[in-house]
Amino acid sequence: MPLEGELGAIIERRRSAQVLEDGNGTNRLAEFVFHRDGQPIGDFRKAWATARKKANVDHKLFHDLRRTASRNMIVAGVPKLLP
């Protein structure tokens, strides 16, 4: 799926941040797209709760985004199955 605009820019920045330098001067690729020094960022539920508070949508579930995206794609005429 092509990512454009702000989301595409974020993913590109994260892709470049995947290259980490080891202590001996060699480079390695981080396993995670979103990480801190190659380690996973932690508990998703805590990050989701913080994001909901900042966006002032405390009642939203993460799964709601999937439902909304699906509805929006149907309304936009995106085919349900791609060839």
Protein backbone atom coordinates (compact mmCIF):
# COMPACT_ATOMS: atom_id res chain seq x y z
CA MET A 1 0.00 0.00 0.00
CA PRO A 2 1.54 3.31 -0.99
CA LEU A 3 1.97 5.79 1.85
CA GLU A 4 1.95 9.45 0.95
CA GLY A 5 1.95 12.81 2.67
CA GLU A 6 2.74 13.13 6.34
CA LEU A 7 2.46 9.40 7.08
CA GLY A 8 4.81 8.57 4.21
CA ALA A 9 7.33 11.12 5.52
CA ILE A 10 7.16 9.62 9.03
CA ILE A 11 7.78 6.11 7.73
CA GLU A 12 10.72 7.32 5.62
CA ARG A 13 12.29 9.03 8.65
CA ARG A 14 11.83 5.85 10.66
CA ARG A 15 13.38 3.78 7.86
CA SER A 16 16.51 5.92 7.97
CA ALA A 17 16.55 5.62 11.78
CA GLN A 18 16.69 1.82 11.48
CA VAL A 19 20.44 1.96 10.80
CA LEU A 20 22.21 1.88 14.15
CA GLU A 21 25.92 2.08 14.89
CA ASP A 22 27.32 -0.56 17.21
CA GLY A 23 29.98 0.33 19.74
CA ASN A 24 32.70 -1.11 17.47
CA GLY A 25 31.85 1.21 14.55
CA THR A 26 29.83 -1.24 12.46
CA ASN A 27 26.27 -0.60 11.41
CA ARG A 28 23.29 -2.85 12.03
CA LEU A 29 19.63 -2.66 11.08
CA ALA A 30 17.13 -2.22 13.92
CA GLU A 31 14.50 -4.94 14.05
CA PHE A 32 11.68 -2.47 14.79
CA VAL A 33 10.37 0.48 12.78
CA PHE A 34 9.55 2.42 15.96
CA HIS A 35 12.25 1.90 18.57
CA ARG A 36 14.61 3.48 21.06
CA ASP A 37 18.19 2.55 20.26
CA GLY A 38 16.98 -0.65 18.61
CA GLN A 39 14.78 -1.75 21.51
CA PRO A 40 10.97 -1.88 21.33
CA ILE A 41 9.23 1.22 22.64
CA GLY A 42 7.24 -0.57 25.32
CA ASP A 43 3.62 -1.16 26.10
CA PHE A 44 1.31 -0.13 23.28
CA ARG A 45 -1.65 0.29 25.63
CA LYS A 46 0.13 3.02 27.58
CA ALA A 47 1.10 4.84 24.37
CA TRP A 48 -2.47 4.53 23.05
CA ALA A 49 -3.91 5.95 26.29
CA THR A 50 -1.52 8.91 26.10
CA ALA A 51 -2.40 9.54 22.43
CA ARG A 52 -6.14 9.40 23.20
CA LYS A 53 -5.77 11.95 25.99
CA LYS A 54 -3.73 14.31 23.79
CA ALA A 55 -6.31 13.99 20.99
CA ASN A 56 -9.18 14.44 23.48
CA VAL A 57 -10.86 11.18 22.41
CA ASP A 58 -10.71 9.11 25.59
CA HIS A 59 -13.59 6.87 24.49
CA LYS A 60 -11.91 5.52 21.31
CA LEU A 61 -10.58 1.99 21.00
CA PHE A 62 -7.65 1.27 18.73
CA HIS A 63 -9.89 -1.15 16.81
CA ASP A 64 -12.23 1.78 16.04
CA LEU A 65 -9.57 3.09 13.64
CA ARG A 66 -9.75 -0.12 11.65
CA ARG A 67 -13.51 0.12 11.41
CA THR A 68 -13.36 3.78 10.39
CA ALA A 69 -10.69 3.10 7.77
CA SER A 70 -12.72 0.24 6.33
CA ARG A 71 -15.87 2.38 6.11
CA ASN A 72 -13.96 5.27 4.55
CA MET A 73 -12.43 3.00 1.90
CA ILE A 74 -15.84 1.53 1.02
CA VAL A 75 -17.34 5.03 0.69
CA ALA A 76 -14.36 6.06 -1.48
CA GLY A 77 -14.99 3.11 -3.81
CA VAL A 78 -11.86 1.13 -2.97
CA PRO A 79 -12.43 -2.49 -4.09
CA LYS A 80 -12.74 -5.01 -1.23
CA LEU A 81 -10.33 -7.46 -2.84
CA LEU A 82 -7.37 -6.41 -4.93
CA PRO A 83 -6.42 -8.55 -7.97
